[in-house]
Amino acid sequence: MKAICFSLAVITMMACHSRKDEVLKVAKFAVADETFNDMAAPTPQKMMMSSSVDTDRKLIREARLQMDVTSLKNISDSVNVLLRQYHAYASNEAQDNQRYDLRKSMTIRVGEQQFEPMMKRLEALATRIVERSVTTQDVTLEYTDLQARLRSKKELEVRYHEILRQAKTVKDMLAIEEQLGATREEIESMEARFKRMTNLTTYCTLDVVFVQRLEAPPTGFAQEFGVALTNGWRSIMNAVLACVSVWPWAFVGFALIGFVIRFRKRRMAQVG
């Protein structure tokens, strides 16, 4: 009888000890989550601390410039010289040849310190400035907030790895790994946003359009009437060429219609 009582007491103590370990483990997860929430929540105090750490203003500057030039070829050579001088690069280059002018557009990315000097050098190449606009967006608060959130997420990932090494059961391991996967996805998304924002604040964007005027557009009723006649004649020629280009399909269609008509006549003759 004493042996039975002793066994029951030992089993009860083991159950209580196991329950205690489970409670401690759950509490550890709760503390980790609560710590993360406190660190990730944007508060005015944290914003002020972030701003005091990084006093540099983060600005996204974009400009659009359209200008008339004497020669697109000469402009291309001059722009290439400026790109090398100001350590910039051009992308999205396109050229459009129209009747009355030639247009070349490009997007130039240049460092923030070289933004204003390069704009002045580009404007000096023009015979006439058609359009000029500059926009500036201050993203300092958003930049520092994203940087702080990213740092907190990475610290949370490290804590999850530490908890994973201490996990004893498969259930706990799977739960922690699920949290790790979700945290890693959020970190990668934040890193992509942070990289893009860093690029936009490091390099300014210049959308430039160069226009070379070939001849003055027609003015007055007589000139416009002549242009309308020319355009009408071109439309007729295009329609004729379009009809000629589809002659094989027309031949097949007429042949098919003739075959159907002969087939129906033959059937009617047989029935009669």
C-alpha atoms as a PDB file:
ATOM      1  CA  MET A   1       0.000   0.000   0.000  1.00  0.00           C
ATOM      2  CA  LYS A   2       2.832   2.400   0.804  1.00  0.00           C
ATOM      3  CA  ALA A   3       4.477   1.569  -2.515  1.00  0.00           C
ATOM      4  CA  ILE A   4       1.259   2.438  -4.402  1.00  0.00           C
ATOM      5  CA  CYS A   5       0.898   5.774  -2.608  1.00  0.00           C
ATOM      6  CA  PHE A   6       4.532   6.602  -3.275  1.00  0.00           C
ATOM      7  CA  SER A   7       4.076   5.847  -7.004  1.00  0.00           C
ATOM      8  CA  LEU A   8       0.991   8.069  -7.227  1.00  0.00           C
ATOM      9  CA  ALA A   9       2.873  10.894  -5.537  1.00  0.00           C
ATOM     10  CA  VAL A  10       5.775  10.598  -7.984  1.00  0.00           C
ATOM     11  CA  ILE A  11       3.402  10.595 -11.003  1.00  0.00           C
ATOM     12  CA  THR A  12       1.598  13.688  -9.673  1.00  0.00           C
ATOM     13  CA  MET A  13       4.888  15.558  -9.184  1.00  0.00           C
ATOM     14  CA  MET A  14       6.048  14.657 -12.712  1.00  0.00           C
ATOM     15  CA  ALA A  15       2.769  15.885 -14.195  1.00  0.00           C
ATOM     16  CA  CYS A  16       3.022  19.157 -12.317  1.00  0.00           C
ATOM     17  CA  HIS A  17       6.625  19.572 -13.425  1.00  0.00           C
ATOM     18  CA  SER A  18       5.682  18.905 -17.062  1.00  0.00           C
ATOM     19  CA  ARG A  19       2.833  21.406 -16.837  1.00  0.00           C
ATOM     20  CA  LYS A  20       5.215  23.957 -15.357  1.00  0.00           C
ATOM     21  CA  ASP A  21       7.654  23.507 -18.245  1.00  0.00           C
ATOM     22  CA  GLU A  22       4.837  23.963 -20.753  1.00  0.00           C
ATOM     23  CA  VAL A  23       3.655  27.132 -19.048  1.00  0.00           C
ATOM     24  CA  LEU A  24       7.187  28.499 -19.002  1.00  0.00           C
ATOM     25  CA  LYS A  25       7.560  27.755 -22.694  1.00  0.00           C
ATOM     26  CA  VAL A  26       4.308  29.480 -23.577  1.00  0.00           C
ATOM     27  CA  ALA A  27       5.314  32.436 -21.440  1.00  0.00           C
ATOM     28  CA  LYS A  28       8.619  32.629 -23.279  1.00  0.00           C
ATOM     29  CA  PHE A  29       6.807  32.842 -26.618  1.00  0.00           C
ATOM     30  CA  ALA A  30       4.456  35.468 -25.238  1.00  0.00           C
ATOM     31  CA  VAL A  31       7.339  37.546 -23.944  1.00  0.00           C
ATOM     32  CA  ALA A  32       9.076  37.331 -27.313  1.00  0.00           C
ATOM     33  CA  ASP A  33       5.960  38.420 -29.184  1.00  0.00           C
ATOM     34  CA  GLU A  34       5.237  41.214 -26.722  1.00  0.00           C
ATOM     35  CA  THR A  35       8.815  42.456 -26.945  1.00  0.00           C
ATOM     36  CA  PHE A  36       8.590  42.527 -30.720  1.00  0.00           C
ATOM     37  CA  ASN A  37       5.319  44.413 -30.683  1.00  0.00           C
ATOM     38  CA  ASP A  38       6.755  46.998 -28.322  1.00  0.00           C
ATOM     39  CA  MET A  39       9.836  47.449 -30.464  1.00  0.00           C
ATOM     40  CA  ALA A  40       7.973  47.555 -33.789  1.00  0.00           C
ATOM     41  CA  ALA A  41       5.231  49.948 -32.736  1.00  0.00           C
ATOM     42  CA  PRO A  42       6.029  53.442 -34.036  1.00  0.00           C
ATOM     43  CA  THR A  43       5.893  55.911 -31.179  1.00  0.00           C
ATOM     44  CA  PRO A  44       6.833  59.591 -31.148  1.00  0.00           C
ATOM     45  CA  GLN A  45       9.735  58.889 -28.787  1.00  0.00           C
ATOM     46  CA  LYS A  46      11.179  56.301 -31.157  1.00  0.00           C
ATOM     47  CA  MET A  47      10.720  58.606 -34.126  1.00  0.00           C
ATOM     48  CA  MET A  48      12.618  61.352 -32.310  1.00  0.00           C
ATOM     49  CA  MET A  49      15.406  58.925 -31.389  1.00  0.00           C
ATOM     50  CA  SER A  50      15.663  57.708 -34.992  1.00  0.00           C
ATOM     51  CA  SER A  51      15.727  61.257 -36.278  1.00  0.00           C
ATOM     52  CA  SER A  52      18.456  62.215 -33.813  1.00  0.00           C
ATOM     53  CA  VAL A  53      20.576  59.245 -34.875  1.00  0.00           C
ATOM     54  CA  ASP A  54      20.343  60.067 -38.577  1.00  0.00           C
ATOM     55  CA  THR A  55      20.134  63.798 -39.138  1.00  0.00           C
ATOM     56  CA  ASP A  56      20.512  63.599 -42.927  1.00  0.00           C
ATOM     57  CA  ARG A  57      17.383  64.451 -44.809  1.00  0.00           C
ATOM     58  CA  LYS A  58      16.180  61.740 -47.190  1.00  0.00           C
ATOM     59  CA  LEU A  59      14.775  63.404 -50.294  1.00  0.00           C
ATOM     60  CA  ILE A  60      13.397  61.957 -53.522  1.00  0.00           C
ATOM     61  CA  ARG A  61      14.000  64.517 -56.260  1.00  0.00           C
ATOM     62  CA  GLU A  62      12.581  64.165 -59.754  1.00  0.00           C
ATOM     63  CA  ALA A  63      12.678  66.571 -62.669  1.00  0.00           C
ATOM     64  CA  ARG A  64      11.282  66.778 -66.192  1.00  0.00           C
ATOM     65  CA  LEU A  65      13.015  68.813 -68.880  1.00  0.00           C
ATOM     66  CA  GLN A  66      11.933  69.307 -72.498  1.00  0.00           C
ATOM     67  CA  MET A  67      14.069  71.459 -74.765  1.00  0.00           C
ATOM     68  CA  ASP A  68      14.628  72.357 -78.384  1.00  0.00           C
ATOM     69  CA  VAL A  69      18.089  71.626 -79.798  1.00  0.00           C
ATOM     70  CA  THR A  70      19.819  72.176 -83.114  1.00  0.00           C
ATOM     71  CA  SER A  71      21.021  68.597 -83.693  1.00  0.00           C
ATOM     72  CA  LEU A  72      20.219  65.342 -81.896  1.00  0.00           C
ATOM     73  CA  LYS A  73      23.559  63.830 -82.904  1.00  0.00           C
ATOM     74  CA  ASN A  74      25.543  66.640 -81.312  1.00  0.00           C
ATOM     75  CA  ILE A  75      23.321  66.495 -78.228  1.00  0.00           C
ATOM     76  CA  SER A  76      23.956  62.763 -77.818  1.00  0.00           C
ATOM     77  CA  ASP A  77      27.705  63.351 -77.802  1.00  0.00           C
ATOM     78  CA  SER A  78      27.391  66.210 -75.301  1.00  0.00           C
ATOM     79  CA  VAL A  79      25.134  64.189 -72.998  1.00  0.00           C
ATOM     80  CA  ASN A  80      27.582  61.270 -72.989  1.00  0.00           C
ATOM     81  CA  VAL A  81      30.335  63.667 -71.899  1.00  0.00           C
ATOM     82  CA  LEU A  82      28.141  64.994 -69.071  1.00  0.00           C
ATOM     83  CA  LEU A  83      27.258  61.471 -67.928  1.00  0.00           C
ATOM     84  CA  ARG A  84      30.922  60.597 -67.524  1.00  0.00           C
ATOM     85  CA  GLN A  85      31.712  63.933 -65.871  1.00  0.00           C
ATOM     86  CA  TYR A  86      28.958  63.703 -63.240  1.00  0.00           C
ATOM     87  CA  HIS A  87      29.145  59.911 -62.744  1.00  0.00           C
ATOM     88  CA  ALA A  88      25.566  59.471 -63.928  1.00  0.00           C
ATOM     89  CA  TYR A  89      23.900  56.941 -66.191  1.00  0.00           C
ATOM     90  CA  ALA A  90      21.044  56.995 -68.698  1.00  0.00           C
ATOM     91  CA  SER A  91      18.260  54.472 -69.259  1.00  0.00           C
ATOM     92  CA  ASN A  92      14.988  54.113 -71.164  1.00  0.00           C
ATOM     93  CA  GLU A  93      16.367  55.863 -74.236  1.00  0.00           C
ATOM     94  CA  ALA A  94      13.943  56.227 -77.165  1.00  0.00           C
ATOM     95  CA  GLN A  95      13.825  58.204 -80.408  1.00  0.00           C
ATOM     96  CA  ASP A  96      10.723  59.189 -82.349  1.00  0.00           C
ATOM     97  CA  ASN A  97      11.039  60.526 -85.891  1.00  0.00           C
ATOM     98  CA  GLN A  98       8.037  62.603 -86.901  1.00  0.00           C
ATOM     99  CA  ARG A  99       7.350  64.761 -89.929  1.00  0.00           C
ATOM    100  CA  TYR A 100       8.053  68.123 -88.360  1.00  0.00           C
ATOM    101  CA  ASP A 101      10.553  67.159 -85.645  1.00  0.00           C
ATOM    102  CA  LEU A 102      12.828  64.476 -84.203  1.00  0.00           C
ATOM    103  CA  ARG A 103      12.473  63.583 -80.540  1.00  0.00           C
ATOM    104  CA  LYS A 104      14.836  61.742 -78.248  1.00  0.00           C
ATOM    105  CA  SER A 105      13.901  60.935 -74.664  1.00  0.00           C
ATOM    106  CA  MET A 106      15.947  59.404 -71.853  1.00  0.00           C
ATOM    107  CA  THR A 107      15.938  58.970 -68.097  1.00  0.00           C
ATOM    108  CA  ILE A 108      19.106  60.122 -66.329  1.00  0.00           C
ATOM    109  CA  ARG A 109      20.012  59.018 -62.791  1.00  0.00           C
ATOM    110  CA  VAL A 110      22.520  61.291 -61.078  1.00  0.00           C
ATOM    111  CA  GLY A 111      23.741  61.746 -57.514  1.00  0.00           C
ATOM    112  CA  GLU A 112      21.969  64.234 -55.277  1.00  0.00           C
ATOM    113  CA  GLN A 113      24.985  66.547 -55.063  1.00  0.00           C
ATOM    114  CA  GLN A 114      25.304  66.644 -58.856  1.00  0.00           C
ATOM    115  CA  PHE A 115      21.599  67.113 -59.574  1.00  0.00           C
ATOM    116  CA  GLU A 116      21.491  70.915 -59.862  1.00  0.00           C
ATOM    117  CA  PRO A 117      24.825  71.315 -61.709  1.00  0.00           C
ATOM    118  CA  MET A 118      23.854  68.730 -64.319  1.00  0.00           C
ATOM    119  CA  MET A 119      20.468  70.342 -64.896  1.00  0.00           C
ATOM    120  CA  LYS A 120      22.156  73.681 -65.552  1.00  0.00           C
ATOM    121  CA  ARG A 121      24.590  72.075 -67.996  1.00  0.00           C
ATOM    122  CA  LEU A 122      21.736  70.381 -69.850  1.00  0.00           C
ATOM    123  CA  GLU A 123      19.766  73.613 -70.070  1.00  0.00           C
ATOM    124  CA  ALA A 124      22.824  75.323 -71.552  1.00  0.00           C
ATOM    125  CA  LEU A 125      22.629  72.950 -74.525  1.00  0.00           C
ATOM    126  CA  ALA A 126      19.102  74.061 -75.476  1.00  0.00           C
ATOM    127  CA  THR A 127      18.006  76.714 -77.907  1.00  0.00           C
ATOM    128  CA  ARG A 128      14.679  76.949 -76.075  1.00  0.00           C
ATOM    129  CA  ILE A 129      13.323  75.447 -72.849  1.00  0.00           C
ATOM    130  CA  VAL A 130       9.829  74.100 -73.543  1.00  0.00           C
ATOM    131  CA  GLU A 131       9.104  72.554 -70.143  1.00  0.00           C
ATOM    132  CA  ARG A 132      10.902  72.472 -66.801  1.00  0.00           C
ATOM    133  CA  SER A 133       9.559  71.013 -63.572  1.00  0.00           C
ATOM    134  CA  VAL A 134      11.187  69.781 -60.357  1.00  0.00           C
ATOM    135  CA  THR A 135       9.493  67.871 -57.526  1.00  0.00           C
ATOM    136  CA  THR A 136      10.986  67.096 -54.105  1.00  0.00           C
ATOM    137  CA  GLN A 137       9.536  64.587 -51.644  1.00  0.00           C
ATOM    138  CA  ASP A 138      10.815  64.366 -48.063  1.00  0.00           C
ATOM    139  CA  VAL A 139      10.786  60.701 -46.954  1.00  0.00           C
ATOM    140  CA  THR A 140      13.037  61.036 -43.903  1.00  0.00           C
ATOM    141  CA  LEU A 141      10.384  59.874 -41.433  1.00  0.00           C
ATOM    142  CA  GLU A 142       9.343  56.925 -43.595  1.00  0.00           C
ATOM    143  CA  TYR A 143      12.979  55.973 -44.187  1.00  0.00           C
ATOM    144  CA  THR A 144      13.932  55.947 -40.497  1.00  0.00           C
ATOM    145  CA  ASP A 145      10.723  54.122 -39.552  1.00  0.00           C
ATOM    146  CA  LEU A 146      11.364  51.386 -42.133  1.00  0.00           C
ATOM    147  CA  GLN A 147      14.967  51.099 -41.005  1.00  0.00           C
ATOM    148  CA  ALA A 148      13.899  50.647 -37.356  1.00  0.00           C
ATOM    149  CA  ARG A 149      11.232  48.082 -38.251  1.00  0.00           C
ATOM    150  CA  LEU A 150      13.711  46.108 -40.328  1.00  0.00           C
ATOM    151  CA  ARG A 151      16.211  46.064 -37.470  1.00  0.00           C
ATOM    152  CA  SER A 152      13.512  44.839 -35.050  1.00  0.00           C
ATOM    153  CA  LYS A 153      12.437  42.087 -37.435  1.00  0.00           C
ATOM    154  CA  LYS A 154      16.005  40.822 -37.746  1.00  0.00           C
ATOM    155  CA  GLU A 155      16.405  40.783 -33.948  1.00  0.00           C
ATOM    156  CA  LEU A 156      13.148  38.854 -33.672  1.00  0.00           C
ATOM    157  CA  GLU A 157      14.439  36.323 -36.196  1.00  0.00           C
ATOM    158  CA  VAL A 158      17.561  35.787 -34.071  1.00  0.00           C
ATOM    159  CA  ARG A 159      15.436  35.201 -30.950  1.00  0.00           C
ATOM    160  CA  TYR A 160      13.290  32.687 -32.817  1.00  0.00           C
ATOM    161  CA  HIS A 161      16.434  30.761 -33.787  1.00  0.00           C
ATOM    162  CA  GLU A 162      17.500  30.685 -30.154  1.00  0.00           C
ATOM    163  CA  ILE A 163      14.084  29.410 -29.057  1.00  0.00           C
ATOM    164  CA  LEU A 164      14.161  26.792 -31.832  1.00  0.00           C
ATOM    165  CA  ARG A 165      17.402  25.369 -30.469  1.00  0.00           C
ATOM    166  CA  GLN A 166      15.764  25.005 -27.041  1.00  0.00           C
ATOM    167  CA  ALA A 167      12.569  23.340 -28.343  1.00  0.00           C
ATOM    168  CA  LYS A 168      12.041  19.740 -27.176  1.00  0.00           C
ATOM    169  CA  THR A 169       8.957  18.564 -29.071  1.00  0.00           C
ATOM    170  CA  VAL A 170       8.168  18.343 -32.772  1.00  0.00           C
ATOM    171  CA  LYS A 171       5.024  20.443 -32.258  1.00  0.00           C
ATOM    172  CA  ASP A 172       7.037  23.302 -30.784  1.00  0.00           C
ATOM    173  CA  MET A 173       9.618  23.064 -33.568  1.00  0.00           C
ATOM    174  CA  LEU A 174       6.954  23.257 -36.275  1.00  0.00           C
ATOM    175  CA  ALA A 175       5.295  26.248 -34.583  1.00  0.00           C
ATOM    176  CA  ILE A 176       8.602  28.119 -34.303  1.00  0.00           C
ATOM    177  CA  GLU A 177       9.598  27.298 -37.884  1.00  0.00           C
ATOM    178  CA  GLU A 178       6.258  28.673 -39.085  1.00  0.00           C
ATOM    179  CA  GLN A 179       6.933  31.923 -37.253  1.00  0.00           C
ATOM    180  CA  LEU A 180      10.456  31.987 -38.676  1.00  0.00           C
ATOM    181  CA  GLY A 181       9.132  31.589 -42.232  1.00  0.00           C
ATOM    182  CA  ALA A 182       6.639  34.427 -41.819  1.00  0.00           C
ATOM    183  CA  THR A 183       9.304  36.666 -40.258  1.00  0.00           C
ATOM    184  CA  ARG A 184      11.766  35.909 -43.075  1.00  0.00           C
ATOM    185  CA  GLU A 185       9.158  36.867 -45.706  1.00  0.00           C
ATOM    186  CA  GLU A 186       8.501  40.169 -43.933  1.00  0.00           C
ATOM    187  CA  ILE A 187      12.253  40.853 -43.714  1.00  0.00           C
ATOM    188  CA  GLU A 188      12.750  40.221 -47.441  1.00  0.00           C
ATOM    189  CA  SER A 189       9.816  42.487 -48.306  1.00  0.00           C
ATOM    190  CA  MET A 190      11.147  45.263 -46.053  1.00  0.00           C
ATOM    191  CA  GLU A 191      14.666  44.874 -47.463  1.00  0.00           C
ATOM    192  CA  ALA A 192      13.341  45.278 -51.012  1.00  0.00           C
ATOM    193  CA  ARG A 193      11.440  48.445 -50.030  1.00  0.00           C
ATOM    194  CA  PHE A 194      14.439  49.781 -48.127  1.00  0.00           C
ATOM    195  CA  LYS A 195      16.772  49.113 -51.064  1.00  0.00           C
ATOM    196  CA  ARG A 196      14.441  50.870 -53.485  1.00  0.00           C
ATOM    197  CA  MET A 197      14.009  53.862 -51.174  1.00  0.00           C
ATOM    198  CA  THR A 198      17.771  54.084 -50.677  1.00  0.00           C
ATOM    199  CA  ASN A 199      18.276  54.088 -54.435  1.00  0.00           C
ATOM    200  CA  LEU A 200      15.649  56.794 -54.953  1.00  0.00           C
ATOM    201  CA  THR A 201      17.187  59.022 -52.282  1.00  0.00           C
ATOM    202  CA  THR A 202      20.762  58.429 -53.433  1.00  0.00           C
ATOM    203  CA  TYR A 203      20.146  59.074 -57.139  1.00  0.00           C
ATOM    204  CA  CYS A 204      17.872  61.780 -58.505  1.00  0.00           C
ATOM    205  CA  THR A 205      15.795  61.179 -61.634  1.00  0.00           C
ATOM    206  CA  LEU A 206      15.891  63.414 -64.706  1.00  0.00           C
ATOM    207  CA  ASP A 207      13.402  62.769 -67.511  1.00  0.00           C
ATOM    208  CA  VAL A 208      14.763  64.666 -70.511  1.00  0.00           C
ATOM    209  CA  VAL A 209      13.225  65.139 -73.965  1.00  0.00           C
ATOM    210  CA  PHE A 210      15.327  66.670 -76.754  1.00  0.00           C
ATOM    211  CA  VAL A 211      13.448  68.021 -79.791  1.00  0.00           C
ATOM    212  CA  GLN A 212      15.031  68.889 -83.135  1.00  0.00           C
ATOM    213  CA  ARG A 213      12.672  70.957 -85.312  1.00  0.00           C
ATOM    214  CA  LEU A 214      12.796  69.979 -88.996  1.00  0.00           C
ATOM    215  CA  GLU A 215      10.272  72.363 -90.543  1.00  0.00           C
ATOM    216  CA  ALA A 216       7.558  74.631 -89.322  1.00  0.00           C
ATOM    217  CA  PRO A 217       4.081  73.073 -89.191  1.00  0.00           C
ATOM    218  CA  PRO A 218       1.596  74.420 -91.754  1.00  0.00           C
ATOM    219  CA  THR A 219      -0.328  77.526 -90.826  1.00  0.00           C
ATOM    220  CA  GLY A 220      -3.304  79.027 -92.612  1.00  0.00           C
ATOM    221  CA  PHE A 221      -6.185  77.489 -94.529  1.00  0.00           C
ATOM    222  CA  ALA A 222      -4.301  76.859 -97.789  1.00  0.00           C
ATOM    223  CA  GLN A 223      -1.472  74.940 -96.135  1.00  0.00           C
ATOM    224  CA  GLU A 224      -3.829  72.917 -93.952  1.00  0.00           C
ATOM    225  CA  PHE A 225      -6.040  72.157 -96.975  1.00  0.00           C
ATOM    226  CA  GLY A 226      -3.011  70.824 -98.864  1.00  0.00           C
ATOM    227  CA  VAL A 227      -2.002  68.660 -95.909  1.00  0.00           C
ATOM    228  CA  ALA A 228      -5.573  67.303 -95.670  1.00  0.00           C
ATOM    229  CA  LEU A 229      -5.538  66.367 -99.389  1.00  0.00           C
ATOM    230  CA  THR A 230      -2.198  64.602 -98.971  1.00  0.00           C
ATOM    231  CA  ASN A 231      -3.392  62.692 -95.919  1.00  0.00           C
ATOM    232  CA  GLY A 232      -6.612  61.699 -97.724  1.00  0.00           C
ATOM    233  CA  TRP A 233      -4.695  60.381-100.728  1.00  0.00           C
ATOM    234  CA  ARG A 234      -2.420  58.404 -98.431  1.00  0.00           C
ATOM    235  CA  SER A 235      -5.460  56.909 -96.712  1.00  0.00           C
ATOM    236  CA  ILE A 236      -6.857  55.754-100.076  1.00  0.00           C
ATOM    237  CA  MET A 237      -3.522  54.200-101.044  1.00  0.00           C
ATOM    238  CA  ASN A 238      -3.297  52.421 -97.718  1.00  0.00           C
ATOM    239  CA  ALA A 239      -6.832  51.038 -98.154  1.00  0.00           C
ATOM    240  CA  VAL A 240      -5.994  49.745-101.672  1.00  0.00           C
ATOM    241  CA  LEU A 241      -2.807  48.120-100.431  1.00  0.00           C
ATOM    242  CA  ALA A 242      -4.732  46.518 -97.564  1.00  0.00           C
ATOM    243  CA  CYS A 243      -7.276  45.045-100.022  1.00  0.00           C
ATOM    244  CA  VAL A 244      -4.511  43.701-102.267  1.00  0.00           C
ATOM    245  CA  SER A 245      -2.714  42.120 -99.330  1.00  0.00           C
ATOM    246  CA  VAL A 246      -5.780  39.987 -98.465  1.00  0.00           C
ATOM    247  CA  TRP A 247      -6.408  38.644-102.010  1.00  0.00           C
ATOM    248  CA  PRO A 248      -5.570  35.020-101.076  1.00  0.00           C
ATOM    249  CA  TRP A 249      -8.298  35.036 -98.433  1.00  0.00           C
ATOM    250  CA  ALA A 250     -10.740  36.591-100.906  1.00  0.00           C
ATOM    251  CA  PHE A 251      -9.929  33.866-103.458  1.00  0.00           C
ATOM    252  CA  VAL A 252     -10.499  31.141-100.886  1.00  0.00           C
ATOM    253  CA  GLY A 253     -13.777  32.731 -99.812  1.00  0.00           C
ATOM    254  CA  PHE A 254     -15.164  32.986-103.373  1.00  0.00           C
ATOM    255  CA  ALA A 255     -14.101  29.412-104.107  1.00  0.00           C
ATOM    256  CA  LEU A 256     -15.847  28.179-100.976  1.00  0.00           C
ATOM    257  CA  ILE A 257     -19.043  30.089-101.820  1.00  0.00           C
ATOM    258  CA  GLY A 258     -19.022  28.653-105.369  1.00  0.00           C
ATOM    259  CA  PHE A 259     -18.570  25.149-104.041  1.00  0.00           C
ATOM    260  CA  VAL A 260     -21.500  25.533-101.648  1.00  0.00           C
ATOM    261  CA  ILE A 261     -23.770  26.884-104.417  1.00  0.00           C
ATOM    262  CA  ARG A 262     -22.911  24.011-106.802  1.00  0.00           C
ATOM    263  CA  PHE A 263     -23.394  21.471-104.040  1.00  0.00           C
ATOM    264  CA  ARG A 264     -26.868  22.802-103.211  1.00  0.00           C
ATOM    265  CA  LYS A 265     -27.900  22.864-106.879  1.00  0.00           C
ATOM    266  CA  ARG A 266     -26.784  19.262-107.292  1.00  0.00           C
ATOM    267  CA  ARG A 267     -28.734  18.172-104.225  1.00  0.00           C
ATOM    268  CA  MET A 268     -31.854  19.964-105.450  1.00  0.00           C
ATOM    269  CA  ALA A 269     -31.495  18.299-108.881  1.00  0.00           C
ATOM    270  CA  GLN A 270     -31.239  14.871-107.262  1.00  0.00           C
ATOM    271  CA  VAL A 271     -34.295  15.490-105.091  1.00  0.00           C
ATOM    272  CA  GLY A 272     -36.292  16.752-108.092  1.00  0.00           C
END
